[in-house]
Amino acid sequence: MSESNLINLINPDHVGLLKASLRSPSAHNAQPWKIRPLKDKNTYELHYDHNDYLPDDPDDRDAYLTMGAFVETMVLEAPNFNLKVNVEAKLKRDGEDMFIAQVELSKLDPNEPIEPLSKFISERATNRNHYSKEPISQKLEQELRALGNTLFEPTLLKDVLTEASMKSWANPRFVRDLHIWYRDNLTDPDGFNAPQMNLNYIDKKGLKFAFWRKQFKSKLLERLYSTRDVAMFTAAPKAAVLAADDMSPAALFDAGRRLLRSWVTVQANGYHYHPFSIAIDEKSTAPKVAKLTGVSVPVALYRIGKTDKKAWGSNRKDLSSVIIE
């Protein structure tokens, strides 16, 4: 069945919510989710499209976090479309297919209280600009801790983040993933581009050079290109690391849901966030993050602060392109 016809499998009352759910975050803006409508027109299977060209993720940590965030985006958006979502986690893998969850959509009871974060979910956006030193509020700190975040001074991880960034730029797989998802065409429906990543002319030249060389083979170049991001991270007033109970699919899926809620909570309090999980992605530095922050199973790292500059929005695929029979 063609993409245009697949959209007809969806209940018309659900189209708005499903489109809004596509605004969920994903590494490199890969948008690896697939939606399978079931015959009852109210239930949908959510799958993760685990392809080789997605970011290197041998333990599926990013996959379950991504899909947890996708489900939570749908849950928070639902009241805005007079709907509610019942989530049943599946977490089954069959080869390259990952069946994450089954969701049932139904009409929202007018007497049911509305989730407060629902009115802020559409404002969620990663802001990669420089943040001021204005401290974050105690209210926000308390709300983030309640969601399983540990907050700390960003300078605590300066050396670890530098090490992780340098090792990543020396890793051909890391550079390959970036190259695949980098977009010169600002209208492409997925991937990331220079304005979105807040790259200046020199940054773009350095990135293109890394793509050409397949990696940085010079410690000097590795350090130079790492300096910008490390300086941006350490200049923020606060950083947070999200913890999971363990690395099981269920724990990671739950962490992904809490991560999305954390980021919307940051926005709801008038602040911005920017993920920096490279220090957790890098296997040699992840234990150092755990030790320094006191978090036994860190799964996401991000900075928090304020900026007057708006985030450059990222594009999204059409709903029809993520529907499967």
C-alpha atoms as a PDB file:
ATOM      1  CA  MET A   1       0.000   0.000   0.000  1.00  0.00           C
ATOM      2  CA  SER A   2       1.362   3.453  -0.883  1.00  0.00           C
ATOM      3  CA  GLU A   3       2.193   6.062   1.789  1.00  0.00           C
ATOM      4  CA  SER A   4      -0.761   8.205   0.736  1.00  0.00           C
ATOM      5  CA  ASN A   5      -3.146   5.278   1.220  1.00  0.00           C
ATOM      6  CA  LEU A   6      -1.616   4.199   4.549  1.00  0.00           C
ATOM      7  CA  ILE A   7      -2.895   7.390   6.174  1.00  0.00           C
ATOM      8  CA  ASN A   8      -6.434   6.108   5.534  1.00  0.00           C
ATOM      9  CA  LEU A   9      -5.813   3.333   8.070  1.00  0.00           C
ATOM     10  CA  ILE A  10      -5.849   5.932  10.850  1.00  0.00           C
ATOM     11  CA  ASN A  11      -8.943   7.076  12.690  1.00  0.00           C
ATOM     12  CA  PRO A  12      -9.495  10.680  11.465  1.00  0.00           C
ATOM     13  CA  ASP A  13     -10.003  11.777  15.090  1.00  0.00           C
ATOM     14  CA  HIS A  14      -6.434  10.688  15.883  1.00  0.00           C
ATOM     15  CA  VAL A  15      -4.538  12.311  13.010  1.00  0.00           C
ATOM     16  CA  GLY A  16      -3.884  15.578  14.849  1.00  0.00           C
ATOM     17  CA  LEU A  17      -2.477  13.835  17.929  1.00  0.00           C
ATOM     18  CA  LEU A  18      -0.281  11.477  15.916  1.00  0.00           C
ATOM     19  CA  LYS A  19       1.143  14.362  13.905  1.00  0.00           C
ATOM     20  CA  ALA A  20       1.866  16.315  17.087  1.00  0.00           C
ATOM     21  CA  SER A  21       3.579  13.249  18.582  1.00  0.00           C
ATOM     22  CA  LEU A  22       6.081  13.300  15.727  1.00  0.00           C
ATOM     23  CA  ARG A  23       7.593  16.409  17.368  1.00  0.00           C
ATOM     24  CA  SER A  24       9.229  14.078  19.881  1.00  0.00           C
ATOM     25  CA  PRO A  25      13.047  14.358  20.133  1.00  0.00           C
ATOM     26  CA  SER A  26      15.462  11.769  18.707  1.00  0.00           C
ATOM     27  CA  ALA A  27      19.229  11.517  18.253  1.00  0.00           C
ATOM     28  CA  HIS A  28      20.322  13.352  15.074  1.00  0.00           C
ATOM     29  CA  ASN A  29      16.589  13.964  14.469  1.00  0.00           C
ATOM     30  CA  ALA A  30      16.460  10.506  12.902  1.00  0.00           C
ATOM     31  CA  GLN A  31      12.791  10.034  13.889  1.00  0.00           C
ATOM     32  CA  PRO A  32      13.106   6.223  14.018  1.00  0.00           C
ATOM     33  CA  TRP A  33       9.541   5.473  15.102  1.00  0.00           C
ATOM     34  CA  LYS A  34       6.968   3.497  13.152  1.00  0.00           C
ATOM     35  CA  ILE A  35       3.219   3.414  13.847  1.00  0.00           C
ATOM     36  CA  ARG A  36       1.034   0.415  12.964  1.00  0.00           C
ATOM     37  CA  PRO A  37      -2.736   1.053  13.162  1.00  0.00           C
ATOM     38  CA  LEU A  38      -4.788  -1.957  14.256  1.00  0.00           C
ATOM     39  CA  LYS A  39      -8.156  -2.862  12.818  1.00  0.00           C
ATOM     40  CA  ASP A  40     -10.191  -1.476  15.707  1.00  0.00           C
ATOM     41  CA  LYS A  41      -9.134   2.072  14.612  1.00  0.00           C
ATOM     42  CA  ASN A  42      -8.341   3.007  18.231  1.00  0.00           C
ATOM     43  CA  THR A  43      -5.183   1.001  18.944  1.00  0.00           C
ATOM     44  CA  TYR A  44      -1.676   1.479  17.542  1.00  0.00           C
ATOM     45  CA  GLU A  45       1.559  -0.457  17.774  1.00  0.00           C
ATOM     46  CA  LEU A  46       4.697   1.647  18.200  1.00  0.00           C
ATOM     47  CA  HIS A  47       7.897   0.222  16.720  1.00  0.00           C
ATOM     48  CA  TYR A  48      11.500   1.403  16.622  1.00  0.00           C
ATOM     49  CA  ASP A  49      13.124   1.298  13.179  1.00  0.00           C
ATOM     50  CA  HIS A  50      16.521  -0.113  14.178  1.00  0.00           C
ATOM     51  CA  ASN A  51      18.712   0.475  11.113  1.00  0.00           C
ATOM     52  CA  ASP A  52      22.484   0.441  10.746  1.00  0.00           C
ATOM     53  CA  TYR A  53      22.548   4.104   9.751  1.00  0.00           C
ATOM     54  CA  LEU A  54      21.180   5.208  13.124  1.00  0.00           C
ATOM     55  CA  PRO A  55      23.636   6.348  15.825  1.00  0.00           C
ATOM     56  CA  ASP A  56      25.782   3.541  17.222  1.00  0.00           C
ATOM     57  CA  ASP A  57      23.702   2.069  20.052  1.00  0.00           C
ATOM     58  CA  PRO A  58      24.928  -1.459  20.887  1.00  0.00           C
ATOM     59  CA  ASP A  59      22.993  -1.784  24.162  1.00  0.00           C
ATOM     60  CA  ASP A  60      19.783  -0.189  22.757  1.00  0.00           C
ATOM     61  CA  ARG A  61      19.905   2.519  25.439  1.00  0.00           C
ATOM     62  CA  ASP A  62      19.131   5.278  22.980  1.00  0.00           C
ATOM     63  CA  ALA A  63      16.389   3.212  21.317  1.00  0.00           C
ATOM     64  CA  TYR A  64      14.385   2.723  24.507  1.00  0.00           C
ATOM     65  CA  LEU A  65      14.981   6.297  25.680  1.00  0.00           C
ATOM     66  CA  THR A  66      13.810   7.622  22.318  1.00  0.00           C
ATOM     67  CA  MET A  67      10.654   5.555  22.298  1.00  0.00           C
ATOM     68  CA  GLY A  68       9.922   6.374  25.924  1.00  0.00           C
ATOM     69  CA  ALA A  69      10.107  10.055  24.973  1.00  0.00           C
ATOM     70  CA  PHE A  70       7.869   9.423  21.966  1.00  0.00           C
ATOM     71  CA  VAL A  71       5.193   7.750  24.105  1.00  0.00           C
ATOM     72  CA  GLU A  72       5.338  10.496  26.730  1.00  0.00           C
ATOM     73  CA  THR A  73       5.025  13.158  24.046  1.00  0.00           C
ATOM     74  CA  MET A  74       1.849  11.429  22.878  1.00  0.00           C
ATOM     75  CA  VAL A  75       0.514  11.189  26.444  1.00  0.00           C
ATOM     76  CA  LEU A  76       1.126  14.899  27.128  1.00  0.00           C
ATOM     77  CA  GLU A  77      -0.260  16.008  23.762  1.00  0.00           C
ATOM     78  CA  ALA A  78      -3.426  13.902  24.019  1.00  0.00           C
ATOM     79  CA  PRO A  79      -5.497  16.316  26.173  1.00  0.00           C
ATOM     80  CA  ASN A  80      -4.818  19.066  23.619  1.00  0.00           C
ATOM     81  CA  PHE A  81      -6.828  16.944  21.152  1.00  0.00           C
ATOM     82  CA  ASN A  82      -9.519  15.914  23.646  1.00  0.00           C
ATOM     83  CA  LEU A  83      -7.992  12.440  23.884  1.00  0.00           C
ATOM     84  CA  LYS A  84      -6.249  10.256  26.420  1.00  0.00           C
ATOM     85  CA  VAL A  85      -3.713   7.477  25.920  1.00  0.00           C
ATOM     86  CA  ASN A  86      -3.521   4.107  27.609  1.00  0.00           C
ATOM     87  CA  VAL A  87       0.019   2.726  27.270  1.00  0.00           C
ATOM     88  CA  GLU A  88       0.916  -0.964  27.388  1.00  0.00           C
ATOM     89  CA  ALA A  89       4.668  -1.553  27.186  1.00  0.00           C
ATOM     90  CA  LYS A  90       5.703  -4.516  25.021  1.00  0.00           C
ATOM     91  CA  LEU A  91       9.498  -4.145  24.716  1.00  0.00           C
ATOM     92  CA  LYS A  92       9.969  -7.111  22.376  1.00  0.00           C
ATOM     93  CA  ARG A  93      12.784  -7.386  19.857  1.00  0.00           C
ATOM     94  CA  ASP A  94      12.698  -9.628  16.795  1.00  0.00           C
ATOM     95  CA  GLY A  95      15.848  -9.105  14.735  1.00  0.00           C
ATOM     96  CA  GLU A  96      15.881  -5.491  13.581  1.00  0.00           C
ATOM     97  CA  ASP A  97      12.273  -4.881  14.658  1.00  0.00           C
ATOM     98  CA  MET A  98      11.664  -3.501  18.143  1.00  0.00           C
ATOM     99  CA  PHE A  99       8.004  -3.588  19.238  1.00  0.00           C
ATOM    100  CA  ILE A 100       8.029  -0.988  22.000  1.00  0.00           C
ATOM    101  CA  ALA A 101       4.446  -0.377  23.086  1.00  0.00           C
ATOM    102  CA  GLN A 102       0.786  -0.573  22.203  1.00  0.00           C
ATOM    103  CA  VAL A 103      -1.339   2.519  22.804  1.00  0.00           C
ATOM    104  CA  GLU A 104      -5.116   2.819  22.910  1.00  0.00           C
ATOM    105  CA  LEU A 105      -6.644   6.235  22.233  1.00  0.00           C
ATOM    106  CA  SER A 106     -10.023   7.244  23.628  1.00  0.00           C
ATOM    107  CA  LYS A 107     -12.051  10.388  24.234  1.00  0.00           C
ATOM    108  CA  LEU A 108     -11.010  12.439  27.235  1.00  0.00           C
ATOM    109  CA  ASP A 109     -13.530  12.492  30.082  1.00  0.00           C
ATOM    110  CA  PRO A 110     -14.484  16.174  30.532  1.00  0.00           C
ATOM    111  CA  ASN A 111     -14.374  15.663  34.318  1.00  0.00           C
ATOM    112  CA  GLU A 112     -10.860  14.237  34.226  1.00  0.00           C
ATOM    113  CA  PRO A 113      -8.108  16.655  35.407  1.00  0.00           C
ATOM    114  CA  ILE A 114      -5.746  17.862  32.679  1.00  0.00           C
ATOM    115  CA  GLU A 115      -2.026  17.162  32.999  1.00  0.00           C
ATOM    116  CA  PRO A 116      -0.420  20.603  33.701  1.00  0.00           C
ATOM    117  CA  LEU A 117       2.521  19.926  31.377  1.00  0.00           C
ATOM    118  CA  SER A 118       0.174  19.394  28.411  1.00  0.00           C
ATOM    119  CA  LYS A 119      -0.061  23.117  27.695  1.00  0.00           C
ATOM    120  CA  PHE A 120       3.745  23.332  27.445  1.00  0.00           C
ATOM    121  CA  ILE A 121       4.516  20.233  25.358  1.00  0.00           C
ATOM    122  CA  SER A 122       4.188  22.051  22.023  1.00  0.00           C
ATOM    123  CA  GLU A 123       6.844  24.557  23.185  1.00  0.00           C
ATOM    124  CA  ARG A 124       9.474  21.869  23.831  1.00  0.00           C
ATOM    125  CA  ALA A 125      12.623  22.472  21.796  1.00  0.00           C
ATOM    126  CA  THR A 126      16.335  21.917  22.313  1.00  0.00           C
ATOM    127  CA  ASN A 127      18.051  25.300  22.556  1.00  0.00           C
ATOM    128  CA  ARG A 128      21.742  25.143  21.618  1.00  0.00           C
ATOM    129  CA  ASN A 129      22.518  28.821  22.190  1.00  0.00           C
ATOM    130  CA  HIS A 130      24.731  30.134  25.001  1.00  0.00           C
ATOM    131  CA  TYR A 131      22.958  30.403  28.371  1.00  0.00           C
ATOM    132  CA  SER A 132      23.279  33.250  30.856  1.00  0.00           C
ATOM    133  CA  LYS A 133      24.608  32.641  34.365  1.00  0.00           C
ATOM    134  CA  GLU A 134      21.203  33.355  35.919  1.00  0.00           C
ATOM    135  CA  PRO A 135      20.668  30.533  38.447  1.00  0.00           C
ATOM    136  CA  ILE A 136      17.714  28.215  38.038  1.00  0.00           C
ATOM    137  CA  SER A 137      14.898  28.333  40.570  1.00  0.00           C
ATOM    138  CA  GLN A 138      14.609  26.034  43.569  1.00  0.00           C
ATOM    139  CA  LYS A 139      11.160  25.068  42.302  1.00  0.00           C
ATOM    140  CA  LEU A 140      12.623  23.729  39.050  1.00  0.00           C
ATOM    141  CA  GLU A 141      15.400  21.906  40.906  1.00  0.00           C
ATOM    142  CA  GLN A 142      12.846  20.184  43.144  1.00  0.00           C
ATOM    143  CA  GLU A 143      10.655  19.172  40.209  1.00  0.00           C
ATOM    144  CA  LEU A 144      13.623  17.757  38.277  1.00  0.00           C
ATOM    145  CA  ARG A 145      14.872  15.793  41.282  1.00  0.00           C
ATOM    146  CA  ALA A 146      11.397  14.308  41.683  1.00  0.00           C
ATOM    147  CA  LEU A 147      11.737  12.973  38.125  1.00  0.00           C
ATOM    148  CA  GLY A 148      15.034  11.232  38.926  1.00  0.00           C
ATOM    149  CA  ASN A 149      17.530  13.928  37.945  1.00  0.00           C
ATOM    150  CA  THR A 150      20.678  14.790  39.872  1.00  0.00           C
ATOM    151  CA  LEU A 151      21.693  18.442  39.464  1.00  0.00           C
ATOM    152  CA  PHE A 152      25.264  19.731  39.746  1.00  0.00           C
ATOM    153  CA  GLU A 153      27.685  22.449  38.672  1.00  0.00           C
ATOM    154  CA  PRO A 154      28.624  21.885  34.997  1.00  0.00           C
ATOM    155  CA  THR A 155      32.354  22.479  35.635  1.00  0.00           C
ATOM    156  CA  LEU A 156      32.348  19.180  37.547  1.00  0.00           C
ATOM    157  CA  LEU A 157      32.379  17.307  34.220  1.00  0.00           C
ATOM    158  CA  LYS A 158      34.669  19.606  32.216  1.00  0.00           C
ATOM    159  CA  ASP A 159      37.555  17.133  31.938  1.00  0.00           C
ATOM    160  CA  VAL A 160      35.294  14.124  31.363  1.00  0.00           C
ATOM    161  CA  LEU A 161      33.307  15.904  28.664  1.00  0.00           C
ATOM    162  CA  THR A 162      36.532  16.996  26.945  1.00  0.00           C
ATOM    163  CA  GLU A 163      37.823  13.430  26.988  1.00  0.00           C
ATOM    164  CA  ALA A 164      34.562  12.035  25.645  1.00  0.00           C
ATOM    165  CA  SER A 165      34.317  14.623  22.878  1.00  0.00           C
ATOM    166  CA  MET A 166      37.916  14.088  21.748  1.00  0.00           C
ATOM    167  CA  LYS A 167      37.480  10.317  21.654  1.00  0.00           C
ATOM    168  CA  SER A 168      34.255  10.680  19.677  1.00  0.00           C
ATOM    169  CA  TRP A 169      35.856  12.882  17.019  1.00  0.00           C
ATOM    170  CA  ALA A 170      38.599  10.261  16.671  1.00  0.00           C
ATOM    171  CA  ASN A 171      35.963   7.535  16.181  1.00  0.00           C
ATOM    172  CA  PRO A 172      35.101   6.918  12.475  1.00  0.00           C
ATOM    173  CA  ARG A 173      31.664   5.494  13.405  1.00  0.00           C
ATOM    174  CA  PHE A 174      30.724   8.661  15.320  1.00  0.00           C
ATOM    175  CA  VAL A 175      31.790  10.880  12.409  1.00  0.00           C
ATOM    176  CA  ARG A 176      30.026   8.586   9.923  1.00  0.00           C
ATOM    177  CA  ASP A 177      26.736   8.878  11.843  1.00  0.00           C
ATOM    178  CA  LEU A 178      27.019  12.677  11.874  1.00  0.00           C
ATOM    179  CA  HIS A 179      27.790  12.749   8.158  1.00  0.00           C
ATOM    180  CA  ILE A 180      24.779  10.595   7.290  1.00  0.00           C
ATOM    181  CA  TRP A 181      22.365  12.809   9.224  1.00  0.00           C
ATOM    182  CA  TYR A 182      23.864  16.225   8.409  1.00  0.00           C
ATOM    183  CA  ARG A 183      21.681  18.208   5.990  1.00  0.00           C
ATOM    184  CA  ASP A 184      22.774  21.073   3.751  1.00  0.00           C
ATOM    185  CA  ASN A 185      19.192  21.387   2.531  1.00  0.00           C
ATOM    186  CA  LEU A 186      17.298  23.163   5.316  1.00  0.00           C
ATOM    187  CA  THR A 187      13.955  21.769   4.104  1.00  0.00           C
ATOM    188  CA  ASP A 188      14.839  18.071   4.495  1.00  0.00           C
ATOM    189  CA  PRO A 189      12.292  16.346   6.766  1.00  0.00           C
ATOM    190  CA  ASP A 190      14.848  14.688   9.047  1.00  0.00           C
ATOM    191  CA  GLY A 191      18.457  15.040  10.195  1.00  0.00           C
ATOM    192  CA  PHE A 192      20.129  18.197  11.484  1.00  0.00           C
ATOM    193  CA  ASN A 193      21.580  21.314   9.853  1.00  0.00           C
ATOM    194  CA  ALA A 194      24.023  24.100  10.687  1.00  0.00           C
ATOM    195  CA  PRO A 195      21.490  26.702  11.946  1.00  0.00           C
ATOM    196  CA  GLN A 196      19.797  24.112  14.150  1.00  0.00           C
ATOM    197  CA  MET A 197      23.169  23.167  15.688  1.00  0.00           C
ATOM    198  CA  ASN A 198      24.132  26.844  16.056  1.00  0.00           C
ATOM    199  CA  LEU A 199      27.265  26.337  13.915  1.00  0.00           C
ATOM    200  CA  ASN A 200      29.207  29.346  12.644  1.00  0.00           C
ATOM    201  CA  TYR A 201      31.281  29.451   9.452  1.00  0.00           C
ATOM    202  CA  ILE A 202      34.404  28.006  11.115  1.00  0.00           C
ATOM    203  CA  ASP A 203      32.407  25.283  12.840  1.00  0.00           C
ATOM    204  CA  LYS A 204      30.883  24.216   9.514  1.00  0.00           C
ATOM    205  CA  LYS A 205      34.278  24.106   7.835  1.00  0.00           C
ATOM    206  CA  GLY A 206      35.653  21.958  10.657  1.00  0.00           C
ATOM    207  CA  LEU A 207      32.694  19.604  10.436  1.00  0.00           C
ATOM    208  CA  LYS A 208      33.038  19.213   6.676  1.00  0.00           C
ATOM    209  CA  PHE A 209      36.770  18.550   7.138  1.00  0.00           C
ATOM    210  CA  ALA A 210      35.975  15.783   9.641  1.00  0.00           C
ATOM    211  CA  PHE A 211      33.500  14.270   7.169  1.00  0.00           C
ATOM    212  CA  TRP A 212      36.165  14.330   4.463  1.00  0.00           C
ATOM    213  CA  ARG A 213      38.814  12.714   6.689  1.00  0.00           C
ATOM    214  CA  LYS A 214      36.290  10.264   8.223  1.00  0.00           C
ATOM    215  CA  GLN A 215      37.665  11.280  11.656  1.00  0.00           C
ATOM    216  CA  PHE A 216      40.051  13.771  13.266  1.00  0.00           C
ATOM    217  CA  LYS A 217      43.463  12.095  13.373  1.00  0.00           C
ATOM    218  CA  SER A 218      45.133  14.920  15.276  1.00  0.00           C
ATOM    219  CA  LYS A 219      44.852  15.459  19.037  1.00  0.00           C
ATOM    220  CA  LEU A 220      45.061  19.187  18.368  1.00  0.00           C
ATOM    221  CA  LEU A 221      42.058  19.113  16.022  1.00  0.00           C
ATOM    222  CA  GLU A 222      40.131  16.854  18.383  1.00  0.00           C
ATOM    223  CA  ARG A 223      40.700  19.279  21.249  1.00  0.00           C
ATOM    224  CA  LEU A 224      39.979  22.368  19.172  1.00  0.00           C
ATOM    225  CA  TYR A 225      36.641  21.065  17.944  1.00  0.00           C
ATOM    226  CA  SER A 226      35.733  19.824  21.425  1.00  0.00           C
ATOM    227  CA  THR A 227      36.476  23.177  23.075  1.00  0.00           C
ATOM    228  CA  ARG A 228      33.360  24.941  21.774  1.00  0.00           C
ATOM    229  CA  ASP A 229      30.866  22.441  23.168  1.00  0.00           C
ATOM    230  CA  VAL A 230      32.703  21.988  26.471  1.00  0.00           C
ATOM    231  CA  ALA A 231      32.831  25.756  26.984  1.00  0.00           C
ATOM    232  CA  MET A 232      29.108  26.015  26.238  1.00  0.00           C
ATOM    233  CA  PHE A 233      28.327  23.256  28.738  1.00  0.00           C
ATOM    234  CA  THR A 234      30.482  24.579  31.570  1.00  0.00           C
ATOM    235  CA  ALA A 235      29.163  28.147  31.138  1.00  0.00           C
ATOM    236  CA  ALA A 236      25.597  27.065  31.956  1.00  0.00           C
ATOM    237  CA  PRO A 237      24.329  27.696  35.500  1.00  0.00           C
ATOM    238  CA  LYS A 238      23.329  24.072  36.067  1.00  0.00           C
ATOM    239  CA  ALA A 239      23.552  20.600  34.556  1.00  0.00           C
ATOM    240  CA  ALA A 240      21.509  17.470  35.186  1.00  0.00           C
ATOM    241  CA  VAL A 241      22.026  13.757  34.789  1.00  0.00           C
ATOM    242  CA  LEU A 242      19.012  11.442  34.640  1.00  0.00           C
ATOM    243  CA  ALA A 243      19.250   8.076  36.369  1.00  0.00           C
ATOM    244  CA  ALA A 244      17.679   4.726  35.502  1.00  0.00           C
ATOM    245  CA  ASP A 245      17.177   1.810  37.878  1.00  0.00           C
ATOM    246  CA  ASP A 246      19.255  -0.400  35.584  1.00  0.00           C
ATOM    247  CA  MET A 247      19.899  -0.969  31.876  1.00  0.00           C
ATOM    248  CA  SER A 248      16.909  -3.251  31.288  1.00  0.00           C
ATOM    249  CA  PRO A 249      14.481  -2.316  28.477  1.00  0.00           C
ATOM    250  CA  ALA A 250      11.727  -1.540  30.992  1.00  0.00           C
ATOM    251  CA  ALA A 251      13.972   0.763  33.055  1.00  0.00           C
ATOM    252  CA  LEU A 252      15.275   2.579  29.972  1.00  0.00           C
ATOM    253  CA  PHE A 253      11.782   2.999  28.527  1.00  0.00           C
ATOM    254  CA  ASP A 254      10.646   4.505  31.827  1.00  0.00           C
ATOM    255  CA  ALA A 255      13.719   6.764  31.862  1.00  0.00           C
ATOM    256  CA  GLY A 256      12.869   7.998  28.373  1.00  0.00           C
ATOM    257  CA  ARG A 257       9.412   8.988  29.553  1.00  0.00           C
ATOM    258  CA  ARG A 258      10.870  10.805  32.567  1.00  0.00           C
ATOM    259  CA  LEU A 259      13.485  12.516  30.392  1.00  0.00           C
ATOM    260  CA  LEU A 260      10.808  13.979  28.128  1.00  0.00           C
ATOM    261  CA  ARG A 261       8.834  15.156  31.160  1.00  0.00           C
ATOM    262  CA  SER A 262      12.015  16.686  32.580  1.00  0.00           C
ATOM    263  CA  TRP A 263      12.625  18.713  29.440  1.00  0.00           C
ATOM    264  CA  VAL A 264       9.029  19.922  29.276  1.00  0.00           C
ATOM    265  CA  THR A 265       9.261  20.804  32.973  1.00  0.00           C
ATOM    266  CA  VAL A 266      12.341  22.920  32.206  1.00  0.00           C
ATOM    267  CA  GLN A 267      10.393  24.775  29.506  1.00  0.00           C
ATOM    268  CA  ALA A 268       7.322  25.160  31.727  1.00  0.00           C
ATOM    269  CA  ASN A 269       9.484  26.971  34.290  1.00  0.00           C
ATOM    270  CA  GLY A 270      10.801  29.422  31.692  1.00  0.00           C
ATOM    271  CA  TYR A 271      14.223  27.820  31.117  1.00  0.00           C
ATOM    272  CA  HIS A 272      15.926  25.938  28.282  1.00  0.00           C
ATOM    273  CA  TYR A 273      17.847  22.678  27.986  1.00  0.00           C
ATOM    274  CA  HIS A 274      20.472  21.135  25.698  1.00  0.00           C
ATOM    275  CA  PRO A 275      21.454  17.412  25.831  1.00  0.00           C
ATOM    276  CA  PHE A 276      25.162  16.536  26.168  1.00  0.00           C
ATOM    277  CA  SER A 277      25.019  12.763  26.519  1.00  0.00           C
ATOM    278  CA  ILE A 278      28.264  12.232  24.607  1.00  0.00           C
ATOM    279  CA  ALA A 279      30.014  11.624  27.942  1.00  0.00           C
ATOM    280  CA  ILE A 280      27.565   8.776  28.616  1.00  0.00           C
ATOM    281  CA  ASP A 281      27.626   7.446  25.053  1.00  0.00           C
ATOM    282  CA  GLU A 282      31.411   7.046  25.257  1.00  0.00           C
ATOM    283  CA  LYS A 283      31.966   3.774  27.128  1.00  0.00           C
ATOM    284  CA  SER A 284      35.225   4.835  28.777  1.00  0.00           C
ATOM    285  CA  THR A 285      33.828   8.044  30.244  1.00  0.00           C
ATOM    286  CA  ALA A 286      30.354   6.859  31.330  1.00  0.00           C
ATOM    287  CA  PRO A 287      31.721   5.320  34.584  1.00  0.00           C
ATOM    288  CA  LYS A 288      33.484   8.613  35.335  1.00  0.00           C
ATOM    289  CA  VAL A 289      30.192  10.505  34.968  1.00  0.00           C
ATOM    290  CA  ALA A 290      28.595   8.006  37.349  1.00  0.00           C
ATOM    291  CA  LYS A 291      31.354   8.415  39.928  1.00  0.00           C
ATOM    292  CA  LEU A 292      31.518  12.218  39.816  1.00  0.00           C
ATOM    293  CA  THR A 293      27.748  12.750  39.966  1.00  0.00           C
ATOM    294  CA  GLY A 294      26.955   9.902  42.347  1.00  0.00           C
ATOM    295  CA  VAL A 295      24.509   8.358  39.878  1.00  0.00           C
ATOM    296  CA  SER A 296      24.979   4.599  39.524  1.00  0.00           C
ATOM    297  CA  VAL A 297      23.184   4.280  36.146  1.00  0.00           C
ATOM    298  CA  PRO A 298      23.340   7.610  34.255  1.00  0.00           C
ATOM    299  CA  VAL A 299      21.392   7.533  30.984  1.00  0.00           C
ATOM    300  CA  ALA A 300      21.117  11.193  29.905  1.00  0.00           C
ATOM    301  CA  LEU A 301      23.066  14.383  30.515  1.00  0.00           C
ATOM    302  CA  TYR A 302      21.979  17.931  29.723  1.00  0.00           C
ATOM    303  CA  ARG A 303      22.620  21.573  30.610  1.00  0.00           C
ATOM    304  CA  ILE A 304      19.955  23.997  31.859  1.00  0.00           C
ATOM    305  CA  GLY A 305      19.755  27.766  31.676  1.00  0.00           C
ATOM    306  CA  LYS A 306      18.205  30.804  30.033  1.00  0.00           C
ATOM    307  CA  THR A 307      18.803  32.541  26.727  1.00  0.00           C
ATOM    308  CA  ASP A 308      17.051  35.332  24.835  1.00  0.00           C
ATOM    309  CA  LYS A 309      17.714  33.552  21.544  1.00  0.00           C
ATOM    310  CA  LYS A 310      15.079  31.226  20.152  1.00  0.00           C
ATOM    311  CA  ALA A 311      15.855  27.644  19.280  1.00  0.00           C
ATOM    312  CA  TRP A 312      16.103  26.849  15.588  1.00  0.00           C
ATOM    313  CA  GLY A 313      13.311  24.359  14.983  1.00  0.00           C
ATOM    314  CA  SER A 314      13.938  20.976  13.387  1.00  0.00           C
ATOM    315  CA  ASN A 315      11.861  19.511  10.571  1.00  0.00           C
ATOM    316  CA  ARG A 316       9.678  16.423  10.827  1.00  0.00           C
ATOM    317  CA  LYS A 317       8.584  13.624   8.506  1.00  0.00           C
ATOM    318  CA  ASP A 318       5.034  13.398   7.236  1.00  0.00           C
ATOM    319  CA  LEU A 319       2.792  11.131   9.261  1.00  0.00           C
ATOM    320  CA  SER A 320       2.181   8.963   6.199  1.00  0.00           C
ATOM    321  CA  SER A 321       5.910   8.080   6.011  1.00  0.00           C
ATOM    322  CA  VAL A 322       5.964   6.488   9.484  1.00  0.00           C
ATOM    323  CA  ILE A 323       2.758   4.421   9.132  1.00  0.00           C
ATOM    324  CA  ILE A 324       3.238   0.686   8.517  1.00  0.00           C
ATOM    325  CA  GLU A 325       0.639  -1.975   7.718  1.00  0.00           C
END
